[in-house]
Structures are given as structure tokens and as C-alpha cells.
Amino acid sequence: MADVFRALDDETRRLVLDELAARDGQSLFEICSSLAMHHGVTLTRQAISQHLATLEAAGLIATERRGRTKFHYFTPGPLREITRRWPPDDAPSSGETNRKE
């Protein structure tokens, strides 16, 4: 789970996930274009590719190669694991505590 937190620690990687959540199955070129148009992020394709590799290693994206093009897909499973773990279903609402008085 630590690799998921490390992957999410970077703003660019969070923006990549936002873009894939909005439109799944994008190529590297499409992701770079979306980041530039929607967020003003103008990194090189190599830099974005490294961010994608980190997200893939954390299990947050999956890839599929078709010919020379690699398509990237958001996989929310690791995020579901985090939300299942924290907070527990019986967690107090905001402002409450678990203290017994």
C-alpha cells in the first residue's frame, strides 16, 4: 500500500489519474495533450512516461499495447482498498471522538 501513497504524493500523477478517470484508454500523446490543455502541465513525454510507470507499478493504472501504441487505463482497486481500511464503517462523524466518558 505504501507504493500507492508514494504514487499519489505527486500532483502530476494525480492529474494523470484525473484525466484517465475522465476518459479511460488514452495513449501517452493524448495524456500529454490533455495535461497541457486542461492543466497547463507541459512536461516532456519521457517525464510523463516515468509518471505513468510509477502509477502502473502501484497498480493504479493498467496498460494495453496495440501495435506501436500503448493505452493506459485507470484501475481504482488500490484506492478502494484504502477506503475500505480507513475510516472504519463505525467511525465517528467530523467533530466527534471515540473517547468513552
C-alpha atoms as a PDB file:
ATOM      1  CA  MET A   1       0.000   0.000   0.000  1.00  0.00           C
ATOM      2  CA  ALA A   2       2.979   2.305   0.537  1.00  0.00           C
ATOM      3  CA  ASP A   3       3.611   2.379  -3.220  1.00  0.00           C
ATOM      4  CA  VAL A   4       0.074   3.699  -3.754  1.00  0.00           C
ATOM      5  CA  PHE A   5       0.657   6.547  -1.305  1.00  0.00           C
ATOM      6  CA  ARG A   6       4.019   7.350  -2.938  1.00  0.00           C
ATOM      7  CA  ALA A   7       2.383   7.397  -6.372  1.00  0.00           C
ATOM      8  CA  LEU A   8      -0.379   9.716  -5.150  1.00  0.00           C
ATOM      9  CA  ASP A   9       2.119  12.052  -3.476  1.00  0.00           C
ATOM     10  CA  ASP A  10       2.864  13.798  -6.779  1.00  0.00           C
ATOM     11  CA  GLU A  11       0.467  16.405  -8.217  1.00  0.00           C
ATOM     12  CA  THR A  12       1.247  15.453 -11.831  1.00  0.00           C
ATOM     13  CA  ARG A  13       0.406  11.803 -11.185  1.00  0.00           C
ATOM     14  CA  ARG A  14      -2.868  12.833  -9.542  1.00  0.00           C
ATOM     15  CA  LEU A  15      -3.674  14.919 -12.636  1.00  0.00           C
ATOM     16  CA  VAL A  16      -2.890  11.936 -14.880  1.00  0.00           C
ATOM     17  CA  LEU A  17      -5.336   9.839 -12.846  1.00  0.00           C
ATOM     18  CA  ASP A  18      -7.933  12.621 -13.117  1.00  0.00           C
ATOM     19  CA  GLU A  19      -7.540  12.610 -16.894  1.00  0.00           C
ATOM     20  CA  LEU A  20      -7.802   8.820 -17.121  1.00  0.00           C
ATOM     21  CA  ALA A  21     -10.825   8.786 -14.810  1.00  0.00           C
ATOM     22  CA  ALA A  22     -12.489  11.322 -17.126  1.00  0.00           C
ATOM     23  CA  ARG A  23     -11.559   9.443 -20.322  1.00  0.00           C
ATOM     24  CA  ASP A  24     -10.035   5.998 -19.999  1.00  0.00           C
ATOM     25  CA  GLY A  25      -7.790   4.318 -22.547  1.00  0.00           C
ATOM     26  CA  GLN A  26      -5.542   7.194 -23.579  1.00  0.00           C
ATOM     27  CA  SER A  27      -2.175   6.994 -25.283  1.00  0.00           C
ATOM     28  CA  LEU A  28       0.892   8.834 -24.000  1.00  0.00           C
ATOM     29  CA  PHE A  29       0.378  11.525 -26.641  1.00  0.00           C
ATOM     30  CA  GLU A  30      -3.260  12.008 -25.594  1.00  0.00           C
ATOM     31  CA  ILE A  31      -2.332  12.221 -21.908  1.00  0.00           C
ATOM     32  CA  CYS A  32       0.395  14.796 -22.621  1.00  0.00           C
ATOM     33  CA  SER A  33      -2.057  16.842 -24.704  1.00  0.00           C
ATOM     34  CA  SER A  34      -4.776  16.677 -22.028  1.00  0.00           C
ATOM     35  CA  LEU A  35      -2.371  17.738 -19.289  1.00  0.00           C
ATOM     36  CA  ALA A  36      -1.179  20.687 -21.354  1.00  0.00           C
ATOM     37  CA  MET A  37      -4.671  21.826 -22.417  1.00  0.00           C
ATOM     38  CA  HIS A  38      -6.572  21.280 -19.168  1.00  0.00           C
ATOM     39  CA  HIS A  39      -3.896  21.881 -16.530  1.00  0.00           C
ATOM     40  CA  GLY A  40      -1.051  23.816 -18.137  1.00  0.00           C
ATOM     41  CA  VAL A  41       1.370  20.938 -17.442  1.00  0.00           C
ATOM     42  CA  THR A  42       3.979  20.915 -20.210  1.00  0.00           C
ATOM     43  CA  LEU A  43       6.367  18.136 -19.266  1.00  0.00           C
ATOM     44  CA  THR A  44       8.209  16.020 -21.823  1.00  0.00           C
ATOM     45  CA  ARG A  45       6.724  12.731 -22.989  1.00  0.00           C
ATOM     46  CA  GLN A  46       9.618  10.989 -21.232  1.00  0.00           C
ATOM     47  CA  ALA A  47       8.726  12.651 -17.913  1.00  0.00           C
ATOM     48  CA  ILE A  48       5.044  11.732 -18.267  1.00  0.00           C
ATOM     49  CA  SER A  49       6.086   8.202 -19.225  1.00  0.00           C
ATOM     50  CA  GLN A  50       8.044   7.916 -15.970  1.00  0.00           C
ATOM     51  CA  HIS A  51       4.997   9.108 -14.017  1.00  0.00           C
ATOM     52  CA  LEU A  52       2.891   6.501 -15.819  1.00  0.00           C
ATOM     53  CA  ALA A  53       5.411   3.794 -14.903  1.00  0.00           C
ATOM     54  CA  THR A  54       5.135   4.778 -11.225  1.00  0.00           C
ATOM     55  CA  LEU A  55       1.336   4.663 -11.394  1.00  0.00           C
ATOM     56  CA  GLU A  56       1.449   1.279 -13.124  1.00  0.00           C
ATOM     57  CA  ALA A  57       3.867  -0.134 -10.525  1.00  0.00           C
ATOM     58  CA  ALA A  58       1.435   0.970  -7.792  1.00  0.00           C
ATOM     59  CA  GLY A  59      -1.425  -0.790  -9.585  1.00  0.00           C
ATOM     60  CA  LEU A  60      -3.293   2.463 -10.220  1.00  0.00           C
ATOM     61  CA  ILE A  61      -3.215   2.089 -13.999  1.00  0.00           C
ATOM     62  CA  ALA A  62      -3.092  -0.833 -16.402  1.00  0.00           C
ATOM     63  CA  THR A  63      -1.762  -0.739 -19.935  1.00  0.00           C
ATOM     64  CA  GLU A  64      -2.587  -2.455 -23.192  1.00  0.00           C
ATOM     65  CA  ARG A  65      -0.353  -2.362 -26.232  1.00  0.00           C
ATOM     66  CA  ARG A  66      -1.990  -2.274 -29.654  1.00  0.00           C
ATOM     67  CA  GLY A  67       0.602  -2.175 -32.370  1.00  0.00           C
ATOM     68  CA  ARG A  68       3.054   0.581 -31.533  1.00  0.00           C
ATOM     69  CA  THR A  69       0.635   2.406 -29.230  1.00  0.00           C
ATOM     70  CA  LYS A  70       0.260   1.765 -25.523  1.00  0.00           C
ATOM     71  CA  PHE A  71      -3.106   2.635 -23.971  1.00  0.00           C
ATOM     72  CA  HIS A  72      -3.478   3.494 -20.293  1.00  0.00           C
ATOM     73  CA  TYR A  73      -6.472   2.632 -18.109  1.00  0.00           C
ATOM     74  CA  PHE A  74      -7.351   3.806 -14.602  1.00  0.00           C
ATOM     75  CA  THR A  75      -7.669   0.932 -12.119  1.00  0.00           C
ATOM     76  CA  PRO A  76      -9.307   2.168  -8.910  1.00  0.00           C
ATOM     77  CA  GLY A  77      -8.822  -1.090  -6.972  1.00  0.00           C
ATOM     78  CA  PRO A  78      -5.922   0.135  -4.799  1.00  0.00           C
ATOM     79  CA  LEU A  79      -7.917   3.258  -3.869  1.00  0.00           C
ATOM     80  CA  ARG A  80     -10.873   1.082  -2.860  1.00  0.00           C
ATOM     81  CA  GLU A  81      -8.541  -0.837  -0.547  1.00  0.00           C
ATOM     82  CA  ILE A  82      -7.575   2.404   1.182  1.00  0.00           C
ATOM     83  CA  THR A  83     -11.191   3.493   1.618  1.00  0.00           C
ATOM     84  CA  ARG A  84     -12.088   0.048   2.972  1.00  0.00           C
ATOM     85  CA  ARG A  85      -9.350   0.335   5.567  1.00  0.00           C
ATOM     86  CA  TRP A  86      -9.830   3.978   6.628  1.00  0.00           C
ATOM     87  CA  PRO A  87     -12.124   5.113   8.101  1.00  0.00           C
ATOM     88  CA  PRO A  88     -13.976   2.121   9.531  1.00  0.00           C
ATOM     89  CA  ASP A  89     -17.729   1.999   8.959  1.00  0.00           C
ATOM     90  CA  ASP A  90     -18.458   2.919  12.578  1.00  0.00           C
ATOM     91  CA  ALA A  91     -16.112   5.932  12.601  1.00  0.00           C
ATOM     92  CA  PRO A  92     -17.485   8.998  14.355  1.00  0.00           C
ATOM     93  CA  SER A  93     -18.529  11.872  12.177  1.00  0.00           C
ATOM     94  CA  SER A  94     -16.493  15.061  11.992  1.00  0.00           C
ATOM     95  CA  GLY A  95     -16.060  16.680  15.396  1.00  0.00           C
ATOM     96  CA  GLU A  96     -16.871  13.537  17.384  1.00  0.00           C
ATOM     97  CA  THR A  97     -14.337  11.425  19.232  1.00  0.00           C
ATOM     98  CA  ASN A  98     -14.068   7.786  20.202  1.00  0.00           C
ATOM     99  CA  ARG A  99     -13.411   8.611  23.863  1.00  0.00           C
ATOM    100  CA  LYS A 100     -15.611   6.928  26.406  1.00  0.00           C
ATOM    101  CA  GLU A 101     -16.511   9.192  29.240  1.00  0.00           C
END
